[in-house]
């Protein structure tokens, strides 16, 4: 529906479509999107529709914005992704909802900046820090995720999907290799404190302290070299050397979506510059952050890793050397073990809680095997 007044149009859209957030929020988003898209243009960009496409209970509000008069460099529709939080403060880097939104913004913006033709994720068109939303390319309504082939009955299709998974990660890591400074500049522009915390990996140091304390409380006799090993891993996490690249951090199958035959990534709430092989180790470590956790046949894991290494070798040829790759992959797997124990051990000791298609105790024991 075309409009002459943004306030009136937002009111009409709310009345006819219905939203899970207050009308004043929709009105503010409507007006701000038009302002963002109109910046620097001779003719103002106007929206003709703003449709909620996410379920009410989701932690992010998704709106499809339709442009009434799209310029040549803009698509007809865009996606507005807004954080939902009881208290959103973009200046508070310690608040989970604020940090996850700003990391998501940084990841989408960074990938569009350093690899605009890479197709790694929906293109980033801007955002509003105060209102807590970003503008992304609309991938359409008919795309499926990586979940369907992996949980289906077609073995060949599942294997092919896993190879696409490894190749997408490899291309993203290769395209962001050597661009740490640019990434931290993007984060710092959003929140300097968050950039500092991400650079120093404060979160991982806290996990090591958490896991160590839990193991000691259980009476586990830690080896004499345990503290040194944790120090070594902390150094690897902070500075993985030639394996430093932008990693997704949560490459769960439902964060991968198909656009035709191309697999693309969404949701960078855990994204950061880090050890690239930690993303690749996801298959070897049985999908540690995902509800659809399951084993991948060793032959398929090996094939995934070969494909990845071939692509990443364009940036770092020594990855093809098993003497280089093997120890680095061991480090990546060890990082996942500490991460998983910090998230799950305390709960697992109390109950074997269900999480998706597997309970949490077998998840832990499988990763430790």
Protein backbone atom coordinates (compact mmCIF):
# COMPACT_ATOMS: atom_id res chain seq x y z
CA UNK A 1 0.00 0.00 0.00
CA UNK A 2 1.62 3.25 -1.15
CA UNK A 3 1.58 6.15 1.26
CA UNK A 4 2.10 9.86 1.61
CA UNK A 5 2.63 9.88 5.36
CA UNK A 6 4.76 7.31 7.20
CA UNK A 7 2.85 7.71 10.48
CA UNK A 8 -0.49 6.98 8.87
CA UNK A 9 0.87 4.04 6.89
CA UNK A 10 2.46 2.47 9.95
CA UNK A 11 -0.84 2.80 11.81
CA UNK A 12 -2.69 1.16 8.92
CA UNK A 13 -0.21 -1.68 8.67
CA UNK A 14 -0.45 -2.39 12.38
CA UNK A 15 -4.22 -2.38 12.26
CA UNK A 16 -4.46 -4.68 9.25
CA UNK A 17 -1.54 -7.04 9.77
CA UNK A 18 -0.87 -7.27 13.50
CA UNK A 19 2.49 -7.31 15.20
CA UNK A 20 4.00 -8.83 18.33
CA UNK A 21 5.61 -5.52 19.37
CA UNK A 22 4.00 -2.17 20.24
CA UNK A 23 2.72 0.13 17.52
CA UNK A 24 5.21 2.86 18.40
CA UNK A 25 8.05 0.42 17.73
CA UNK A 26 6.66 -0.44 14.30
CA UNK A 27 6.18 3.23 13.49
CA UNK A 28 9.75 4.03 14.51
CA UNK A 29 11.15 1.14 12.45
CA UNK A 30 9.05 2.13 9.44
CA UNK A 31 10.26 5.72 9.48
CA UNK A 32 13.88 4.84 10.24
CA UNK A 33 14.10 2.27 7.43
CA UNK A 34 12.87 4.89 4.97
CA UNK A 35 15.40 7.39 6.33
CA UNK A 36 18.29 4.92 6.09
CA UNK A 37 17.44 3.89 2.54
CA UNK A 38 16.89 7.49 1.43
CA UNK A 39 20.23 8.81 2.69
CA UNK A 40 22.23 10.42 -0.11
CA UNK A 41 19.54 9.89 -2.73
CA UNK A 42 17.79 12.62 -4.73
CA UNK A 43 14.42 10.91 -4.28
CA UNK A 44 13.14 9.63 -0.95
CA UNK A 45 12.69 5.86 -0.70
CA UNK A 46 9.24 4.89 0.53
CA UNK A 47 7.94 1.63 1.96
CA UNK A 48 4.63 0.23 0.83
CA UNK A 49 4.42 -2.68 3.27
CA UNK A 50 5.96 -3.96 6.48
CA UNK A 51 4.93 -7.54 7.24
CA UNK A 52 5.90 -9.56 10.29
CA UNK A 53 7.20 -12.97 9.20
CA UNK A 54 8.56 -14.28 12.52
CA UNK A 55 6.65 -16.02 15.26
CA UNK A 56 5.77 -13.97 18.31
CA UNK A 57 7.91 -15.95 20.76
CA UNK A 58 11.15 -15.67 18.78
CA UNK A 59 14.09 -13.74 20.23
CA UNK A 60 14.29 -11.65 17.06
CA UNK A 61 11.52 -9.84 15.23
CA UNK A 62 11.65 -10.36 11.46
CA UNK A 63 9.78 -7.99 9.16
CA UNK A 64 9.65 -8.00 5.38
CA UNK A 65 9.82 -4.42 4.12
CA UNK A 66 8.51 -3.78 0.62
CA UNK A 67 9.88 -0.73 -1.18
CA UNK A 68 7.32 1.19 -3.22
CA UNK A 69 9.89 2.93 -5.43
CA UNK A 70 13.12 0.88 -5.31
CA UNK A 71 16.16 2.56 -6.89
CA UNK A 72 18.25 0.49 -9.27
CA UNK A 73 20.70 -0.53 -6.53
CA UNK A 74 18.05 -1.75 -4.08
CA UNK A 75 15.88 -4.87 -4.23
CA UNK A 76 12.11 -4.72 -4.01
CA UNK A 77 12.06 -6.24 -0.52
CA UNK A 78 14.41 -6.30 2.46
CA UNK A 79 14.34 -8.03 5.83
CA UNK A 80 14.31 -6.02 9.05
CA UNK A 81 15.83 -8.06 11.88
CA UNK A 82 15.24 -6.54 15.31
CA UNK A 83 16.47 -7.77 18.66
CA UNK A 84 13.77 -8.56 21.22
CA UNK A 85 14.86 -7.96 24.80
CA UNK A 86 13.33 -6.93 28.09
CA UNK A 87 15.96 -4.23 28.36
CA UNK A 88 18.07 -3.41 25.31
CA UNK A 89 21.01 -1.06 25.84
CA UNK A 90 23.54 -0.91 22.97
CA UNK A 91 26.08 0.70 25.31
CA UNK A 92 26.09 -2.31 27.66
CA UNK A 93 28.54 -4.82 26.19
CA UNK A 94 27.95 -7.22 29.10
CA UNK A 95 24.21 -7.66 28.44
CA UNK A 96 23.54 -10.83 26.45
CA UNK A 97 20.81 -9.41 24.22
CA UNK A 98 22.82 -6.30 23.39
CA UNK A 99 26.00 -8.27 22.70
CA UNK A 100 24.31 -10.88 20.51
CA UNK A 101 22.61 -8.22 18.41
CA UNK A 102 25.77 -6.16 17.95
CA UNK A 103 27.76 -9.29 17.05
CA UNK A 104 25.10 -10.23 14.51
CA UNK A 105 25.28 -6.71 13.04
CA UNK A 106 29.08 -6.83 12.96
CA UNK A 107 29.18 -10.20 11.24
CA UNK A 108 26.67 -9.32 8.54
CA UNK A 109 28.26 -5.92 7.90
CA UNK A 110 31.81 -7.28 7.92
CA UNK A 111 31.11 -10.07 5.43
CA UNK A 112 29.37 -7.63 3.09
CA UNK A 113 32.34 -5.28 3.42
CA UNK A 114 35.27 -7.66 2.86
CA UNK A 115 33.57 -10.18 0.55
CA UNK A 116 30.63 -8.44 -1.16
CA UNK A 117 30.56 -11.04 -3.93
CA UNK A 118 31.22 -14.00 -1.63
CA UNK A 119 27.57 -14.86 -1.06
CA UNK A 120 28.36 -16.00 2.46
CA UNK A 121 25.27 -14.42 4.00
CA UNK A 122 22.42 -12.05 3.15
CA UNK A 123 23.81 -8.68 2.09
CA UNK A 124 23.84 -6.00 4.78
CA UNK A 125 22.04 -2.74 3.96
CA UNK A 126 22.39 -0.85 7.23
CA UNK A 127 20.94 -0.71 10.69
CA UNK A 128 19.90 1.43 13.61
CA UNK A 129 21.82 0.96 16.84
CA UNK A 130 19.32 2.76 19.06
CA UNK A 131 16.30 0.81 17.81
CA UNK A 132 18.27 -2.43 17.62
CA UNK A 133 17.65 -3.58 14.06
CA UNK A 134 19.57 -4.35 10.89
CA UNK A 135 18.50 -4.43 7.25
CA UNK A 136 19.34 -7.55 5.28
CA UNK A 137 18.85 -9.04 1.85
CA UNK A 138 15.57 -10.94 1.53
CA UNK A 139 16.32 -14.56 0.65
CA UNK A 140 12.68 -15.23 -0.19
CA UNK A 141 10.07 -17.42 1.42
CA UNK A 142 10.88 -20.76 -0.21
CA UNK A 143 14.41 -21.46 1.01
CA UNK A 144 15.07 -24.52 3.16
CA UNK A 145 17.79 -25.08 5.73
CA UNK A 146 20.52 -27.67 6.08
CA UNK A 147 18.34 -29.50 8.60
CA UNK A 148 16.08 -31.15 6.03
CA UNK A 149 18.74 -33.13 4.14
CA UNK A 150 20.63 -34.05 7.32
CA UNK A 151 17.57 -35.44 9.10
CA UNK A 152 16.11 -37.01 5.97
CA UNK A 153 16.46 -40.55 4.64
CA UNK A 154 18.46 -39.80 1.48
CA UNK A 155 22.08 -40.64 2.35
CA UNK A 156 23.56 -39.14 -0.82
CA UNK A 157 21.67 -35.90 -0.28
CA UNK A 158 22.83 -35.70 3.34
CA UNK A 159 26.47 -36.26 2.36
CA UNK A 160 26.28 -33.65 -0.38
CA UNK A 161 24.79 -31.16 2.11
CA UNK A 162 27.67 -31.73 4.52
CA UNK A 163 30.17 -31.10 1.74
CA UNK A 164 28.39 -27.83 0.93
CA UNK A 165 28.58 -27.02 4.66
CA UNK A 166 32.36 -27.51 4.75
CA UNK A 167 32.89 -25.60 1.52
CA UNK A 168 30.84 -22.61 2.66
CA UNK A 169 32.83 -22.38 5.87
CA UNK A 170 36.10 -22.71 3.95
CA UNK A 171 35.21 -19.92 1.53
CA UNK A 172 34.11 -17.63 4.38
CA UNK A 173 37.29 -18.30 6.33
CA UNK A 174 39.46 -17.79 3.26
CA UNK A 175 37.74 -14.51 2.40
CA UNK A 176 38.15 -13.15 5.94
CA UNK A 177 41.70 -14.41 6.50
CA UNK A 178 43.96 -11.46 7.22
CA UNK A 179 41.08 -9.06 7.88
CA UNK A 180 40.96 -9.05 11.69
CA UNK A 181 41.64 -5.32 11.89
CA UNK A 182 38.67 -4.54 9.67
CA UNK A 183 36.39 -6.75 11.76
CA UNK A 184 37.36 -5.16 15.05
CA UNK A 185 36.90 -1.72 13.50
CA UNK A 186 33.31 -2.65 12.65
CA UNK A 187 32.67 -3.88 16.20
CA UNK A 188 34.40 -0.89 17.80
CA UNK A 189 32.17 1.49 15.86
CA UNK A 190 29.18 -0.25 17.44
CA UNK A 191 30.57 -0.70 20.95
CA UNK A 192 34.27 -0.23 21.86
CA UNK A 193 33.97 -2.30 25.03
CA UNK A 194 32.54 -5.22 23.07
CA UNK A 195 35.40 -5.02 20.59
CA UNK A 196 37.93 -5.17 23.43
CA UNK A 197 36.20 -8.13 25.08
CA UNK A 198 36.02 -10.01 21.78
CA UNK A 199 39.66 -9.34 20.99
CA UNK A 200 40.78 -10.58 24.40
CA UNK A 201 38.24 -13.46 24.40
CA UNK A 202 37.16 -12.76 27.96
CA UNK A 203 34.28 -15.19 27.53
CA UNK A 204 36.59 -18.14 26.93
CA UNK A 205 38.78 -17.39 29.92
CA UNK A 206 35.62 -17.40 32.05
CA UNK A 207 34.67 -20.81 30.65
CA UNK A 208 38.04 -22.29 31.60
CA UNK A 209 37.61 -21.01 35.16
CA UNK A 210 34.08 -22.44 35.24
CA UNK A 211 35.11 -25.90 34.00
CA UNK A 212 38.15 -26.08 36.27
CA UNK A 213 36.02 -25.22 39.29
CA UNK A 214 33.38 -27.81 38.42
CA UNK A 215 35.94 -30.57 37.92
CA UNK A 216 37.65 -29.77 41.21
CA UNK A 217 34.29 -29.74 43.01
CA UNK A 218 33.63 -33.23 41.66
CA UNK A 219 36.90 -34.43 43.09
CA UNK A 220 38.47 -34.97 39.68
CA UNK A 221 42.22 -35.20 40.04
CA UNK A 222 43.58 -32.81 37.44
CA UNK A 223 46.93 -33.66 35.95
CA UNK A 224 49.99 -31.60 36.78
CA UNK A 225 49.97 -30.21 33.27
CA UNK A 226 46.28 -29.25 33.18
CA UNK A 227 46.85 -25.58 34.01
CA UNK A 228 49.58 -25.33 31.38
CA UNK A 229 47.32 -26.96 28.80
CA UNK A 230 44.55 -24.48 29.57
CA UNK A 231 47.02 -21.62 29.25
CA UNK A 232 48.14 -23.01 25.91
CA UNK A 233 44.54 -23.32 24.69
CA UNK A 234 43.76 -19.79 25.88
CA UNK A 235 46.66 -18.52 23.80
CA UNK A 236 45.43 -20.50 20.79
CA UNK A 237 41.92 -19.10 21.20
CA UNK A 238 43.20 -15.54 21.45
CA UNK A 239 45.77 -15.87 18.68
CA UNK A 240 45.40 -18.92 16.43
CA UNK A 241 48.11 -17.61 14.12
CA UNK A 242 47.61 -18.65 10.49
CA UNK A 243 44.18 -20.07 11.33
CA UNK A 244 42.78 -16.69 12.39
CA UNK A 245 39.64 -15.94 10.38
CA UNK A 246 36.05 -14.90 10.93
CA UNK A 247 34.20 -17.89 12.32
CA UNK A 248 30.47 -18.29 12.70
CA UNK A 249 30.75 -19.81 16.16
CA UNK A 250 27.39 -21.60 15.94
CA UNK A 251 27.29 -23.36 12.55
CA UNK A 252 24.15 -25.30 13.41
CA UNK A 253 22.32 -26.70 10.36
CA UNK A 254 19.39 -24.34 10.90
CA UNK A 255 21.78 -21.40 10.51
CA UNK A 256 22.46 -22.49 6.92
CA UNK A 257 19.88 -21.76 4.24
CA UNK A 258 19.67 -22.74 0.61
CA UNK A 259 19.22 -20.15 -2.09
CA UNK A 260 18.87 -22.33 -5.13
CA UNK A 261 21.88 -24.64 -4.97
CA UNK A 262 23.92 -22.17 -2.92
CA UNK A 263 24.25 -22.62 0.84
CA UNK A 264 24.40 -19.38 2.82
CA UNK A 265 24.86 -18.49 6.48
CA UNK A 266 22.59 -16.59 8.87
CA UNK A 267 22.72 -15.45 12.49
CA UNK A 268 26.15 -14.29 13.63
CA UNK A 269 25.33 -13.84 17.32
CA UNK A 270 28.36 -15.97 18.24
CA UNK A 271 30.54 -14.79 15.35
CA UNK A 272 34.08 -13.59 16.02
CA UNK A 273 37.63 -13.64 14.75
CA UNK A 274 39.05 -16.93 15.96
CA UNK A 275 40.35 -20.37 15.13
CA UNK A 276 38.86 -21.23 11.75
CA UNK A 277 39.10 -24.96 12.34
CA UNK A 278 36.74 -24.66 15.31
CA UNK A 279 33.95 -24.17 12.78
CA UNK A 280 35.19 -27.05 10.64
CA UNK A 281 35.43 -29.30 13.73
CA UNK A 282 31.66 -29.02 14.13
CA UNK A 283 31.10 -32.26 12.22
CA UNK A 284 33.88 -34.12 14.00
CA UNK A 285 32.55 -32.92 17.38
CA UNK A 286 28.97 -34.04 16.68
CA UNK A 287 27.33 -30.63 16.18
CA UNK A 288 27.98 -29.40 19.74
CA UNK A 289 25.74 -26.30 19.83
CA UNK A 290 22.80 -27.68 17.88
CA UNK A 291 19.54 -29.37 18.77
CA UNK A 292 20.04 -31.83 15.89
CA UNK A 293 23.22 -33.30 17.34
CA UNK A 294 24.34 -36.55 15.73
CA UNK A 295 27.38 -38.50 14.60
CA UNK A 296 28.81 -38.10 11.12
CA UNK A 297 30.49 -41.17 9.60
CA UNK A 298 34.30 -40.84 9.82
CA UNK A 299 34.68 -41.24 6.06
CA UNK A 300 32.34 -38.30 5.52
CA UNK A 301 34.17 -36.20 8.13
CA UNK A 302 37.44 -36.93 6.34
CA UNK A 303 35.92 -35.92 3.00
CA UNK A 304 34.51 -32.71 4.49
CA UNK A 305 37.92 -31.80 5.85
CA UNK A 306 39.69 -32.56 2.57
CA UNK A 307 37.34 -30.24 0.70
CA UNK A 308 37.81 -27.54 3.31
CA UNK A 309 41.59 -27.82 3.25
CA UNK A 310 41.73 -27.56 -0.54
CA UNK A 311 39.82 -24.27 -0.45
CA UNK A 312 41.57 -22.75 2.57
CA UNK A 313 44.93 -23.65 1.04
CA UNK A 314 44.42 -20.74 -1.34
CA UNK A 315 45.22 -18.53 1.66
CA UNK A 316 47.37 -20.86 3.74
CA UNK A 317 48.96 -23.70 1.70
CA UNK A 318 50.51 -25.48 4.74
CA UNK A 319 47.02 -26.62 5.77
CA UNK A 320 47.48 -29.43 3.23
CA UNK A 321 50.31 -30.80 5.37
CA UNK A 322 48.92 -33.33 7.87
CA UNK A 323 51.68 -32.39 10.31
CA UNK A 324 50.23 -28.86 10.38
CA UNK A 325 46.55 -29.66 10.07
CA UNK A 326 46.40 -32.51 12.60
CA UNK A 327 47.60 -30.62 15.69
CA UNK A 328 45.56 -27.57 14.73
CA UNK A 329 42.40 -29.68 14.45
CA UNK A 330 43.19 -31.26 17.82
CA UNK A 331 43.34 -27.76 19.32
CA UNK A 332 40.00 -26.89 17.71
CA UNK A 333 38.36 -30.01 19.15
CA UNK A 334 39.80 -29.30 22.61
CA UNK A 335 38.30 -25.82 22.47
CA UNK A 336 34.88 -27.36 21.80
CA UNK A 337 35.27 -29.76 24.75
CA UNK A 338 35.88 -26.87 27.14
CA UNK A 339 33.01 -24.89 25.62
CA UNK A 340 30.60 -27.82 25.92
CA UNK A 341 31.59 -28.65 29.49
CA UNK A 342 31.12 -25.03 30.53
CA UNK A 343 27.61 -25.00 29.04
CA UNK A 344 26.36 -28.48 29.92
CA UNK A 345 28.28 -30.18 32.73
CA UNK A 346 26.50 -28.60 35.69
CA UNK A 347 23.07 -29.45 34.28
CA UNK A 348 24.15 -32.93 33.14
CA UNK A 349 25.19 -33.83 36.67
CA UNK A 350 21.66 -33.10 37.87
CA UNK A 351 19.61 -34.59 35.02
CA UNK A 352 19.93 -35.95 31.51
CA UNK A 353 17.89 -33.16 29.97
CA UNK A 354 16.53 -33.49 26.45
CA UNK A 355 17.87 -31.06 23.87
CA UNK A 356 16.48 -31.59 20.42
CA UNK A 357 17.06 -35.13 19.18
CA UNK A 358 19.61 -36.08 21.87
CA UNK A 359 19.97 -35.70 25.62
CA UNK A 360 22.91 -33.82 27.06
CA UNK A 361 24.85 -36.61 28.81
CA UNK A 362 25.54 -38.60 25.61
CA UNK A 363 26.59 -35.34 23.95
CA UNK A 364 29.31 -34.84 26.55
CA UNK A 365 30.53 -38.43 26.62
CA UNK A 366 30.63 -38.60 22.82
CA UNK A 367 32.81 -35.50 22.65
CA UNK A 368 35.14 -36.87 25.30
CA UNK A 369 35.49 -40.25 23.56
